[in-house]
């Protein structure tokens, strides 16, 4: 039954708010578990598929140019790096820009009479 003692911590982590219960606005609706699973599972699949695809392309280049592990290593690192950047951009940069835009809209609506 120890799970219930952590509900405040979990709620704060999910909503990004510490302290008591804060009413949610339309933009802050929590997503369903399956939606979140699909979202983050998609990031994992993208990371795995991109890494495997670029490693496979590297192995084809190695066979053609007889440069055993060189292009496999380069392809693996390139695929992982590209997929990681895509995930980082989606999770961090785009979310930050979205929050900044909402904050500017809220400020402009408060300033206008």
PDB file of N, CA and C in Angstrom:
ATOM      1  N   UNK A   1       0.806  -1.201   0.000  1.00  0.00           N
ATOM      2  CA  UNK A   1       0.000   0.000   0.000  1.00  0.00           C
ATOM      3  C   UNK A   1       0.850   1.266   0.000  1.00  0.00           C
ATOM      4  N   UNK A   2       2.124   1.121  -0.154  1.00  0.00           N
ATOM      5  CA  UNK A   2       3.010   2.276  -0.142  1.00  0.00           C
ATOM      6  C   UNK A   2       2.814   3.146  -1.382  1.00  0.00           C
ATOM      7  N   UNK A   3       2.198   2.625  -2.406  1.00  0.00           N
ATOM      8  CA  UNK A   3       1.994   3.366  -3.653  1.00  0.00           C
ATOM      9  C   UNK A   3       1.203   4.648  -3.403  1.00  0.00           C
ATOM     10  N   UNK A   4       0.214   4.601  -2.539  1.00  0.00           N
ATOM     11  CA  UNK A   4      -0.632   5.761  -2.318  1.00  0.00           C
ATOM     12  C   UNK A   4       0.093   6.895  -1.609  1.00  0.00           C
ATOM     13  N   UNK A   5       1.182   6.614  -0.920  1.00  0.00           N
ATOM     14  CA  UNK A   5       1.908   7.676  -0.241  1.00  0.00           C
ATOM     15  C   UNK A   5       2.690   8.550  -1.220  1.00  0.00           C
ATOM     16  N   UNK A   6       2.856   8.103  -2.451  1.00  0.00           N
ATOM     17  CA  UNK A   6       3.616   8.849  -3.440  1.00  0.00           C
ATOM     18  C   UNK A   6       2.731   9.586  -4.444  1.00  0.00           C
ATOM     19  N   UNK A   7       1.432   9.611  -4.231  1.00  0.00           N
ATOM     20  CA  UNK A   7       0.552  10.211  -5.234  1.00  0.00           C
ATOM     21  C   UNK A   7       0.799  11.699  -5.394  1.00  0.00           C
ATOM     22  N   UNK A   8       1.144  12.407  -4.341  1.00  0.00           N
ATOM     23  CA  UNK A   8       1.436  13.836  -4.462  1.00  0.00           C
ATOM     24  C   UNK A   8       2.673  14.088  -5.287  1.00  0.00           C
ATOM     25  N   UNK A   9       3.688  13.266  -5.103  1.00  0.00           N
ATOM     26  CA  UNK A   9       4.925  13.406  -5.861  1.00  0.00           C
ATOM     27  C   UNK A   9       4.681  13.103  -7.333  1.00  0.00           C
ATOM     28  N   UNK A  10       3.922  12.055  -7.600  1.00  0.00           N
ATOM     29  CA  UNK A  10       3.616  11.684  -8.975  1.00  0.00           C
ATOM     30  C   UNK A  10       2.770  12.769  -9.642  1.00  0.00           C
ATOM     31  N   UNK A  11       1.779  13.292  -8.933  1.00  0.00           N
ATOM     32  CA  UNK A  11       0.938  14.348  -9.497  1.00  0.00           C
ATOM     33  C   UNK A  11       1.750  15.595  -9.804  1.00  0.00           C
ATOM     34  N   UNK A  12       2.676  15.948  -8.924  1.00  0.00           N
ATOM     35  CA  UNK A  12       3.531  17.111  -9.167  1.00  0.00           C
ATOM     36  C   UNK A  12       4.426  16.882 -10.371  1.00  0.00           C
ATOM     37  N   UNK A  13       4.925  15.672 -10.529  1.00  0.00           N
ATOM     38  CA  UNK A  13       5.792  15.365 -11.671  1.00  0.00           C
ATOM     39  C   UNK A  13       5.013  15.393 -12.971  1.00  0.00           C
ATOM     40  N   UNK A  14       3.784  14.895 -12.956  1.00  0.00           N
ATOM     41  CA  UNK A  14       2.974  14.845 -14.173  1.00  0.00           C
ATOM     42  C   UNK A  14       2.501  16.231 -14.576  1.00  0.00           C
ATOM     43  N   UNK A  15       2.019  17.011 -13.615  1.00  0.00           N
ATOM     44  CA  UNK A  15       1.463  18.324 -13.936  1.00  0.00           C
ATOM     45  C   UNK A  15       2.499  19.421 -13.957  1.00  0.00           C
ATOM     46  N   UNK A  16       3.670  19.172 -13.353  1.00  0.00           N
ATOM     47  CA  UNK A  16       4.696  20.202 -13.308  1.00  0.00           C
ATOM     48  C   UNK A  16       4.414  21.239 -12.246  1.00  0.00           C
ATOM     49  N   UNK A  17       3.522  20.957 -11.337  1.00  0.00           N
ATOM     50  CA  UNK A  17       3.167  21.907 -10.286  1.00  0.00           C
ATOM     51  C   UNK A  17       3.440  21.280  -8.928  1.00  0.00           C
ATOM     52  N   UNK A  18       3.981  22.055  -8.057  1.00  0.00           N
ATOM     53  CA  UNK A  18       4.212  21.593  -6.695  1.00  0.00           C
ATOM     54  C   UNK A  18       3.162  22.215  -5.791  1.00  0.00           C
ATOM     55  N   UNK A  19       2.900  21.598  -4.684  1.00  0.00           N
ATOM     56  CA  UNK A  19       1.949  22.152  -3.733  1.00  0.00           C
ATOM     57  C   UNK A  19       0.601  21.479  -3.851  1.00  0.00           C
ATOM     58  N   UNK A  20      -0.452  22.246  -3.513  1.00  0.00           N
ATOM     59  CA  UNK A  20      -1.803  21.708  -3.486  1.00  0.00           C
ATOM     60  C   UNK A  20      -2.381  21.478  -4.861  1.00  0.00           C
ATOM     61  N   UNK A  21      -3.639  21.124  -4.870  1.00  0.00           N
ATOM     62  CA  UNK A  21      -4.341  20.842  -6.115  1.00  0.00           C
ATOM     63  C   UNK A  21      -4.625  22.151  -6.828  1.00  0.00           C
ATOM     64  N   UNK A  22      -4.242  22.229  -8.082  1.00  0.00           N
ATOM     65  CA  UNK A  22      -4.459  23.419  -8.895  1.00  0.00           C
ATOM     66  C   UNK A  22      -5.433  23.043  -9.997  1.00  0.00           C
ATOM     67  N   UNK A  23      -6.523  23.828 -10.170  1.00  0.00           N
ATOM     68  CA  UNK A  23      -7.464  23.481 -11.235  1.00  0.00           C
ATOM     69  C   UNK A  23      -6.802  23.584 -12.604  1.00  0.00           C
ATOM     70  N   UNK A  24      -7.143  22.648 -13.465  1.00  0.00           N
ATOM     71  CA  UNK A  24      -6.562  22.608 -14.799  1.00  0.00           C
ATOM     72  C   UNK A  24      -7.372  23.455 -15.761  1.00  0.00           C
ATOM     73  N   UNK A  25      -6.679  24.141 -16.659  1.00  0.00           N
ATOM     74  CA  UNK A  25      -7.356  24.873 -17.720  1.00  0.00           C
ATOM     75  C   UNK A  25      -7.439  23.958 -18.941  1.00  0.00           C
ATOM     76  N   UNK A  26      -8.092  24.437 -20.001  1.00  0.00           N
ATOM     77  CA  UNK A  26      -8.235  23.616 -21.206  1.00  0.00           C
ATOM     78  C   UNK A  26      -6.897  23.192 -21.787  1.00  0.00           C
ATOM     79  N   UNK A  27      -5.897  24.084 -21.784  1.00  0.00           N
ATOM     80  CA  UNK A  27      -4.600  23.762 -22.356  1.00  0.00           C
ATOM     81  C   UNK A  27      -3.778  22.821 -21.498  1.00  0.00           C
ATOM     82  N   UNK A  28      -4.180  22.632 -20.232  1.00  0.00           N
ATOM     83  CA  UNK A  28      -3.414  21.810 -19.305  1.00  0.00           C
ATOM     84  C   UNK A  28      -4.028  20.449 -19.070  1.00  0.00           C
ATOM     85  N   UNK A  29      -4.976  20.030 -19.879  1.00  0.00           N
ATOM     86  CA  UNK A  29      -5.617  18.732 -19.656  1.00  0.00           C
ATOM     87  C   UNK A  29      -4.602  17.616 -19.699  1.00  0.00           C
ATOM     88  N   UNK A  30      -4.626  16.740 -18.711  1.00  0.00           N
ATOM     89  CA  UNK A  30      -3.683  15.620 -18.759  1.00  0.00           C
ATOM     90  C   UNK A  30      -4.046  14.665 -19.891  1.00  0.00           C
ATOM     91  N   UNK A  31      -3.043  14.135 -20.527  1.00  0.00           N
ATOM     92  CA  UNK A  31      -3.277  13.194 -21.619  1.00  0.00           C
ATOM     93  C   UNK A  31      -3.552  11.816 -21.050  1.00  0.00           C
ATOM     94  N   UNK A  32      -4.202  11.010 -21.844  1.00  0.00           N
ATOM     95  CA  UNK A  32      -4.471   9.649 -21.425  1.00  0.00           C
ATOM     96  C   UNK A  32      -3.205   8.812 -21.426  1.00  0.00           C
ATOM     97  N   UNK A  33      -3.246   7.744 -20.698  1.00  0.00           N
ATOM     98  CA  UNK A  33      -2.077   6.878 -20.584  1.00  0.00           C
ATOM     99  C   UNK A  33      -1.689   6.291 -21.929  1.00  0.00           C
ATOM    100  N   UNK A  34      -2.664   5.881 -22.714  1.00  0.00           N
ATOM    101  CA  UNK A  34      -2.346   5.305 -24.029  1.00  0.00           C
ATOM    102  C   UNK A  34      -1.767   6.344 -24.976  1.00  0.00           C
ATOM    103  N   UNK A  35      -2.248   7.579 -24.879  1.00  0.00           N
ATOM    104  CA  UNK A  35      -1.710   8.640 -25.727  1.00  0.00           C
ATOM    105  C   UNK A  35      -0.250   8.909 -25.380  1.00  0.00           C
ATOM    106  N   UNK A  36       0.048   8.938 -24.095  1.00  0.00           N
ATOM    107  CA  UNK A  36       1.429   9.152 -23.663  1.00  0.00           C
ATOM    108  C   UNK A  36       2.309   7.964 -24.046  1.00  0.00           C
ATOM    109  N   UNK A  37       1.781   6.760 -23.910  1.00  0.00           N
ATOM    110  CA  UNK A  37       2.528   5.570 -24.304  1.00  0.00           C
ATOM    111  C   UNK A  37       2.845   5.615 -25.792  1.00  0.00           C
ATOM    112  N   UNK A  38       1.882   6.001 -26.581  1.00  0.00           N
ATOM    113  CA  UNK A  38       2.107   6.117 -28.017  1.00  0.00           C
ATOM    114  C   UNK A  38       3.123   7.188 -28.351  1.00  0.00           C
ATOM    115  N   UNK A  39       3.045   8.307 -27.669  1.00  0.00           N
ATOM    116  CA  UNK A  39       3.962   9.417 -27.935  1.00  0.00           C
ATOM    117  C   UNK A  39       5.397   9.021 -27.626  1.00  0.00           C
ATOM    118  N   UNK A  40       5.633   8.554 -26.418  1.00  0.00           N
ATOM    119  CA  UNK A  40       7.001   8.223 -26.014  1.00  0.00           C
ATOM    120  C   UNK A  40       7.477   6.924 -26.650  1.00  0.00           C
ATOM    121  N   UNK A  41       6.567   6.000 -26.907  1.00  0.00           N
ATOM    122  CA  UNK A  41       6.932   4.792 -27.640  1.00  0.00           C
ATOM    123  C   UNK A  41       7.362   5.119 -29.054  1.00  0.00           C
ATOM    124  N   UNK A  42       6.722   6.110 -29.638  1.00  0.00           N
ATOM    125  CA  UNK A  42       7.104   6.567 -30.973  1.00  0.00           C
ATOM    126  C   UNK A  42       8.509   7.136 -31.001  1.00  0.00           C
ATOM    127  N   UNK A  43       8.873   7.873 -29.936  1.00  0.00           N
ATOM    128  CA  UNK A  43      10.241   8.393 -29.854  1.00  0.00           C
ATOM    129  C   UNK A  43      11.242   7.245 -29.774  1.00  0.00           C
ATOM    130  N   UNK A  44      10.918   6.219 -29.004  1.00  0.00           N
ATOM    131  CA  UNK A  44      11.809   5.067 -28.889  1.00  0.00           C
ATOM    132  C   UNK A  44      11.939   4.310 -30.197  1.00  0.00           C
ATOM    133  N   UNK A  45      10.816   4.123 -30.872  1.00  0.00           N
ATOM    134  CA  UNK A  45      10.863   3.442 -32.171  1.00  0.00           C
ATOM    135  C   UNK A  45      11.655   4.253 -33.193  1.00  0.00           C
ATOM    136  N   UNK A  46      11.463   5.554 -33.200  1.00  0.00           N
ATOM    137  CA  UNK A  46      12.205   6.405 -34.122  1.00  0.00           C
ATOM    138  C   UNK A  46      13.700   6.289 -33.859  1.00  0.00           C
ATOM    139  N   UNK A  47      14.077   6.301 -32.588  1.00  0.00           N
ATOM    140  CA  UNK A  47      15.484   6.184 -32.225  1.00  0.00           C
ATOM    141  C   UNK A  47      16.054   4.838 -32.685  1.00  0.00           C
ATOM    142  N   UNK A  48      15.333   3.765 -32.426  1.00  0.00           N
ATOM    143  CA  UNK A  48      15.813   2.434 -32.806  1.00  0.00           C
ATOM    144  C   UNK A  48      15.849   2.218 -34.302  1.00  0.00           C
ATOM    145  N   UNK A  49      14.789   2.626 -34.997  1.00  0.00           N
ATOM    146  CA  UNK A  49      14.724   2.402 -36.443  1.00  0.00           C
ATOM    147  C   UNK A  49      15.757   3.248 -37.174  1.00  0.00           C
ATOM    148  N   UNK A  50      15.919   4.508 -36.779  1.00  0.00           N
ATOM    149  CA  UNK A  50      16.905   5.367 -37.445  1.00  0.00           C
ATOM    150  C   UNK A  50      18.317   4.827 -37.237  1.00  0.00           C
ATOM    151  N   UNK A  51      18.609   4.386 -36.012  1.00  0.00           N
ATOM    152  CA  UNK A  51      19.937   3.841 -35.734  1.00  0.00           C
ATOM    153  C   UNK A  51      20.184   2.580 -36.559  1.00  0.00           C
ATOM    154  N   UNK A  52      19.210   1.685 -36.586  1.00  0.00           N
ATOM    155  CA  UNK A  52      19.368   0.432 -37.343  1.00  0.00           C
ATOM    156  C   UNK A  52      19.457   0.693 -38.848  1.00  0.00           C
ATOM    157  N   UNK A  53      18.645   1.609 -39.349  1.00  0.00           N
ATOM    158  CA  UNK A  53      18.660   1.911 -40.784  1.00  0.00           C
ATOM    159  C   UNK A  53      20.006   2.471 -41.214  1.00  0.00           C
ATOM    160  N   UNK A  54      20.529   3.440 -40.452  1.00  0.00           N
ATOM    161  CA  UNK A  54      21.807   4.020 -40.828  1.00  0.00           C
ATOM    162  C   UNK A  54      22.956   3.032 -40.646  1.00  0.00           C
ATOM    163  N   UNK A  55      22.864   2.143 -39.662  1.00  0.00           N
ATOM    164  CA  UNK A  55      23.892   1.104 -39.499  1.00  0.00           C
ATOM    165  C   UNK A  55      23.852   0.146 -40.690  1.00  0.00           C
ATOM    166  N   UNK A  56      22.655  -0.210 -41.144  1.00  0.00           N
ATOM    167  CA  UNK A  56      22.523  -1.096 -42.305  1.00  0.00           C
ATOM    168  C   UNK A  56      23.075  -0.428 -43.566  1.00  0.00           C
ATOM    169  N   UNK A  57      22.750   0.862 -43.746  1.00  0.00           N
ATOM    170  CA  UNK A  57      23.308   1.581 -44.898  1.00  0.00           C
ATOM    171  C   UNK A  57      24.827   1.656 -44.811  1.00  0.00           C
ATOM    172  N   UNK A  58      25.343   1.811 -43.593  1.00  0.00           N
ATOM    173  CA  UNK A  58      26.792   1.805 -43.415  1.00  0.00           C
ATOM    174  C   UNK A  58      27.407   0.469 -43.769  1.00  0.00           C
ATOM    175  N   UNK A  59      26.714  -0.630 -43.430  1.00  0.00           N
ATOM    176  CA  UNK A  59      27.248  -1.954 -43.786  1.00  0.00           C
ATOM    177  C   UNK A  59      27.252  -2.155 -45.297  1.00  0.00           C
ATOM    178  N   UNK A  60      26.241  -1.632 -45.978  1.00  0.00           N
ATOM    179  CA  UNK A  60      26.237  -1.715 -47.449  1.00  0.00           C
ATOM    180  C   UNK A  60      27.404  -0.928 -48.036  1.00  0.00           C
ATOM    181  N   UNK A  61      27.667   0.257 -47.480  1.00  0.00           N
ATOM    182  CA  UNK A  61      28.794   1.061 -47.959  1.00  0.00           C
ATOM    183  C   UNK A  61      30.116   0.367 -47.655  1.00  0.00           C
ATOM    184  N   UNK A  62      30.211  -0.290 -46.497  1.00  0.00           N
ATOM    185  CA  UNK A  62      31.438  -1.026 -46.152  1.00  0.00           C
ATOM    186  C   UNK A  62      31.689  -2.176 -47.123  1.00  0.00           C
ATOM    187  N   UNK A  63      30.634  -2.884 -47.504  1.00  0.00           N
ATOM    188  CA  UNK A  63      30.797  -3.977 -48.468  1.00  0.00           C
ATOM    189  C   UNK A  63      31.262  -3.452 -49.818  1.00  0.00           C
ATOM    190  N   UNK A  64      30.714  -2.339 -50.218  1.00  0.00           N
ATOM    191  CA  UNK A  64      31.046  -1.783 -51.530  1.00  0.00           C
ATOM    192  C   UNK A  64      32.478  -1.249 -51.581  1.00  0.00           C
ATOM    193  N   UNK A  65      32.891  -0.522 -50.519  1.00  0.00           N
ATOM    194  CA  UNK A  65      34.206   0.125 -50.524  1.00  0.00           C
ATOM    195  C   UNK A  65      35.274  -0.657 -49.753  1.00  0.00           C
ATOM    196  N   UNK A  66      34.917  -1.821 -49.188  1.00  0.00           N
ATOM    197  CA  UNK A  66      35.846  -2.677 -48.442  1.00  0.00           C
ATOM    198  C   UNK A  66      36.528  -1.917 -47.301  1.00  0.00           C
ATOM    199  N   UNK A  67      35.726  -1.255 -46.506  1.00  0.00           N
ATOM    200  CA  UNK A  67      36.235  -0.493 -45.352  1.00  0.00           C
ATOM    201  C   UNK A  67      35.556  -0.997 -44.085  1.00  0.00           C
ATOM    202  N   UNK A  68      35.699  -2.282 -43.813  1.00  0.00           N
ATOM    203  CA  UNK A  68      34.988  -3.037 -42.781  1.00  0.00           C
ATOM    204  C   UNK A  68      34.170  -2.214 -41.774  1.00  0.00           C
ATOM    205  N   UNK A  69      34.671  -1.757 -40.659  1.00  0.00           N
ATOM    206  CA  UNK A  69      33.736  -1.202 -39.678  1.00  0.00           C
ATOM    207  C   UNK A  69      33.501   0.300 -39.803  1.00  0.00           C
ATOM    208  N   UNK A  70      34.177   0.972 -40.683  1.00  0.00           N
ATOM    209  CA  UNK A  70      34.141   2.436 -40.713  1.00  0.00           C
ATOM    210  C   UNK A  70      32.735   2.994 -40.925  1.00  0.00           C
ATOM    211  N   UNK A  71      32.083   2.626 -42.009  1.00  0.00           N
ATOM    212  CA  UNK A  71      30.778   3.206 -42.315  1.00  0.00           C
ATOM    213  C   UNK A  71      29.664   2.687 -41.409  1.00  0.00           C
ATOM    214  N   UNK A  72      29.828   1.502 -40.853  1.00  0.00           N
ATOM    215  CA  UNK A  72      28.843   1.012 -39.878  1.00  0.00           C
ATOM    216  C   UNK A  72      28.870   1.906 -38.641  1.00  0.00           C
ATOM    217  N   UNK A  73      30.070   2.215 -38.174  1.00  0.00           N
ATOM    218  CA  UNK A  73      30.202   3.079 -36.996  1.00  0.00           C
ATOM    219  C   UNK A  73      29.677   4.476 -37.292  1.00  0.00           C
ATOM    220  N   UNK A  74      30.073   5.033 -38.422  1.00  0.00           N
ATOM    221  CA  UNK A  74      29.623   6.377 -38.799  1.00  0.00           C
ATOM    222  C   UNK A  74      28.102   6.399 -38.990  1.00  0.00           C
ATOM    223  N   UNK A  75      27.570   5.381 -39.643  1.00  0.00           N
ATOM    224  CA  UNK A  75      26.127   5.315 -39.863  1.00  0.00           C
ATOM    225  C   UNK A  75      25.354   5.171 -38.568  1.00  0.00           C
ATOM    226  N   UNK A  76      25.847   4.346 -37.656  1.00  0.00           N
ATOM    227  CA  UNK A  76      25.179   4.162 -36.372  1.00  0.00           C
ATOM    228  C   UNK A  76      25.151   5.460 -35.589  1.00  0.00           C
ATOM    229  N   UNK A  77      26.293   6.129 -35.512  1.00  0.00           N
ATOM    230  CA  UNK A  77      26.348   7.395 -34.779  1.00  0.00           C
ATOM    231  C   UNK A  77      25.494   8.476 -35.442  1.00  0.00           C
ATOM    232  N   UNK A  78      25.474   8.504 -36.761  1.00  0.00           N
ATOM    233  CA  UNK A  78      24.665   9.484 -37.479  1.00  0.00           C
ATOM    234  C   UNK A  78      23.172   9.241 -37.256  1.00  0.00           C
ATOM    235  N   UNK A  79      22.742   8.002 -37.361  1.00  0.00           N
ATOM    236  CA  UNK A  79      21.328   7.676 -37.147  1.00  0.00           C
ATOM    237  C   UNK A  79      20.891   7.975 -35.731  1.00  0.00           C
ATOM    238  N   UNK A  80      21.713   7.600 -34.759  1.00  0.00           N
ATOM    239  CA  UNK A  80      21.376   7.870 -33.365  1.00  0.00           C
ATOM    240  C   UNK A  80      21.338   9.370 -33.102  1.00  0.00           C
ATOM    241  N   UNK A  81      22.328  10.082 -33.618  1.00  0.00           N
ATOM    242  CA  UNK A  81      22.385  11.532 -33.404  1.00  0.00           C
ATOM    243  C   UNK A  81      21.202  12.257 -34.024  1.00  0.00           C
ATOM    244  N   UNK A  82      20.837  11.884 -35.233  1.00  0.00           N
ATOM    245  CA  UNK A  82      19.700  12.527 -35.903  1.00  0.00           C
ATOM    246  C   UNK A  82      18.394  12.235 -35.175  1.00  0.00           C
ATOM    247  N   UNK A  83      18.193  10.997 -34.748  1.00  0.00           N
ATOM    248  CA  UNK A  83      16.967  10.649 -34.036  1.00  0.00           C
ATOM    249  C   UNK A  83      16.918  11.314 -32.668  1.00  0.00           C
ATOM    250  N   UNK A  84      18.053  11.379 -31.980  1.00  0.00           N
ATOM    251  CA  UNK A  84      18.100  12.029 -30.677  1.00  0.00           C
ATOM    252  C   UNK A  84      17.813  13.520 -30.813  1.00  0.00           C
ATOM    253  N   UNK A  85      18.378  14.176 -31.836  1.00  0.00           N
ATOM    254  CA  UNK A  85      18.108  15.596 -32.048  1.00  0.00           C
ATOM    255  C   UNK A  85      16.626  15.829 -32.345  1.00  0.00           C
ATOM    256  N   UNK A  86      16.030  14.965 -33.142  1.00  0.00           N
ATOM    257  CA  UNK A  86      14.605  15.083 -33.437  1.00  0.00           C
ATOM    258  C   UNK A  86      13.773  14.960 -32.164  1.00  0.00           C
ATOM    259  N   UNK A  87      14.116  13.995 -31.322  1.00  0.00           N
ATOM    260  CA  UNK A  87      13.403  13.804 -30.067  1.00  0.00           C
ATOM    261  C   UNK A  87      13.611  15.005 -29.145  1.00  0.00           C
ATOM    262  N   UNK A  88      14.839  15.492 -29.025  1.00  0.00           N
ATOM    263  CA  UNK A  88      15.141  16.637 -28.172  1.00  0.00           C
ATOM    264  C   UNK A  88      14.394  17.872 -28.647  1.00  0.00           C
ATOM    265  N   UNK A  89      14.390  18.081 -29.950  1.00  0.00           N
ATOM    266  CA  UNK A  89      13.690  19.248 -30.499  1.00  0.00           C
ATOM    267  C   UNK A  89      12.196  19.184 -30.195  1.00  0.00           C
ATOM    268  N   UNK A  90      11.623  18.023 -30.345  1.00  0.00           N
ATOM    269  CA  UNK A  90      10.196  17.856 -30.097  1.00  0.00           C
ATOM    270  C   UNK A  90       9.850  18.011 -28.625  1.00  0.00           C
ATOM    271  N   UNK A  91      10.654  17.446 -27.750  1.00  0.00           N
ATOM    272  CA  UNK A  91      10.344  17.453 -26.320  1.00  0.00           C
ATOM    273  C   UNK A  91      10.750  18.735 -25.613  1.00  0.00           C
ATOM    274  N   UNK A  92      11.840  19.358 -26.019  1.00  0.00           N
ATOM    275  CA  UNK A  92      12.356  20.491 -25.270  1.00  0.00           C
ATOM    276  C   UNK A  92      12.150  21.814 -26.009  1.00  0.00           C
ATOM    277  N   UNK A  93      12.670  21.920 -27.196  1.00  0.00           N
ATOM    278  CA  UNK A  93      12.679  23.210 -27.884  1.00  0.00           C
ATOM    279  C   UNK A  93      11.269  23.624 -28.300  1.00  0.00           C
ATOM    280  N   UNK A  94      10.529  22.727 -28.960  1.00  0.00           N
ATOM    281  CA  UNK A  94       9.178  23.080 -29.398  1.00  0.00           C
ATOM    282  C   UNK A  94       8.262  23.354 -28.219  1.00  0.00           C
ATOM    283  N   UNK A  95       8.397  22.583 -27.143  1.00  0.00           N
ATOM    284  CA  UNK A  95       7.574  22.791 -25.951  1.00  0.00           C
ATOM    285  C   UNK A  95       7.898  24.135 -25.310  1.00  0.00           C
ATOM    286  N   UNK A  96       9.171  24.503 -25.231  1.00  0.00           N
ATOM    287  CA  UNK A  96       9.572  25.790 -24.663  1.00  0.00           C
ATOM    288  C   UNK A  96       9.000  26.937 -25.491  1.00  0.00           C
ATOM    289  N   UNK A  97       9.088  26.828 -26.818  1.00  0.00           N
ATOM    290  CA  UNK A  97       8.541  27.876 -27.681  1.00  0.00           C
ATOM    291  C   UNK A  97       7.031  27.993 -27.530  1.00  0.00           C
ATOM    292  N   UNK A  98       6.359  26.855 -27.398  1.00  0.00           N
ATOM    293  CA  UNK A  98       4.905  26.856 -27.211  1.00  0.00           C
ATOM    294  C   UNK A  98       4.530  27.535 -25.900  1.00  0.00           C
ATOM    295  N   UNK A  99       5.230  27.238 -24.834  1.00  0.00           N
ATOM    296  CA  UNK A  99       4.947  27.871 -23.543  1.00  0.00           C
ATOM    297  C   UNK A  99       5.247  29.356 -23.583  1.00  0.00           C
ATOM    298  N   UNK A 100       6.314  29.750 -24.248  1.00  0.00           N
ATOM    299  CA  UNK A 100       6.659  31.167 -24.379  1.00  0.00           C
ATOM    300  C   UNK A 100       5.571  31.910 -25.161  1.00  0.00           C
ATOM    301  N   UNK A 101       5.073  31.291 -26.231  1.00  0.00           N
ATOM    302  CA  UNK A 101       4.031  31.918 -27.041  1.00  0.00           C
ATOM    303  C   UNK A 101       2.741  32.073 -26.241  1.00  0.00           C
ATOM    304  N   UNK A 102       2.365  31.051 -25.463  1.00  0.00           N
ATOM    305  CA  UNK A 102       1.170  31.148 -24.626  1.00  0.00           C
ATOM    306  C   UNK A 102       1.317  32.229 -23.575  1.00  0.00           C
ATOM    307  N   UNK A 103       2.519  32.356 -23.011  1.00  0.00           N
ATOM    308  CA  UNK A 103       2.757  33.378 -21.999  1.00  0.00           C
ATOM    309  C   UNK A 103       2.647  34.772 -22.606  1.00  0.00           C
ATOM    310  N   UNK A 104       3.180  34.961 -23.824  1.00  0.00           N
ATOM    311  CA  UNK A 104       3.073  36.256 -24.492  1.00  0.00           C
ATOM    312  C   UNK A 104       1.624  36.590 -24.826  1.00  0.00           C
ATOM    313  N   UNK A 105       0.862  35.597 -25.263  1.00  0.00           N
ATOM    314  CA  UNK A 105      -0.553  35.824 -25.556  1.00  0.00           C
ATOM    315  C   UNK A 105      -1.315  36.200 -24.296  1.00  0.00           C
ATOM    316  N   UNK A 106      -0.993  35.542 -23.186  1.00  0.00           N
ATOM    317  CA  UNK A 106      -1.667  35.841 -21.924  1.00  0.00           C
ATOM    318  C   UNK A 106      -1.330  37.250 -21.467  1.00  0.00           C
ATOM    319  N   UNK A 107      -0.061  37.659 -21.596  1.00  0.00           N
ATOM    320  CA  UNK A 107       0.339  38.998 -21.200  1.00  0.00           C
ATOM    321  C   UNK A 107      -0.313  40.065 -22.068  1.00  0.00           C
ATOM    322  N   UNK A 108      -0.393  39.809 -23.379  1.00  0.00           N
ATOM    323  CA  UNK A 108      -0.994  40.794 -24.272  1.00  0.00           C
ATOM    324  C   UNK A 108      -2.492  40.920 -24.023  1.00  0.00           C
ATOM    325  N   UNK A 109      -3.146  39.838 -23.677  1.00  0.00           N
ATOM    326  CA  UNK A 109      -4.582  39.925 -23.379  1.00  0.00           C
ATOM    327  C   UNK A 109      -4.830  40.620 -22.054  1.00  0.00           C
ATOM    328  N   UNK A 110      -3.897  40.534 -21.105  1.00  0.00           N
ATOM    329  CA  UNK A 110      -4.045  41.241 -19.832  1.00  0.00           C
ATOM    330  C   UNK A 110      -3.783  42.712 -19.987  1.00  0.00           C
ATOM    331  N   UNK A 111      -2.861  43.085 -20.899  1.00  0.00           N
ATOM    332  CA  UNK A 111      -2.501  44.481 -21.096  1.00  0.00           C
ATOM    333  C   UNK A 111      -3.555  45.252 -21.883  1.00  0.00           C
ATOM    334  N   UNK A 112      -4.259  44.601 -22.779  1.00  0.00           N
ATOM    335  CA  UNK A 112      -5.257  45.296 -23.588  1.00  0.00           C
ATOM    336  C   UNK A 112      -6.491  45.585 -22.755  1.00  0.00           C
ATOM    337  N   UNK A 113      -7.070  46.790 -22.925  1.00  0.00           N
ATOM    338  CA  UNK A 113      -8.249  47.180 -22.109  1.00  0.00           C
ATOM    339  C   UNK A 113      -9.510  46.498 -22.502  1.00  0.00           C
TER     340      UNK A 113
END
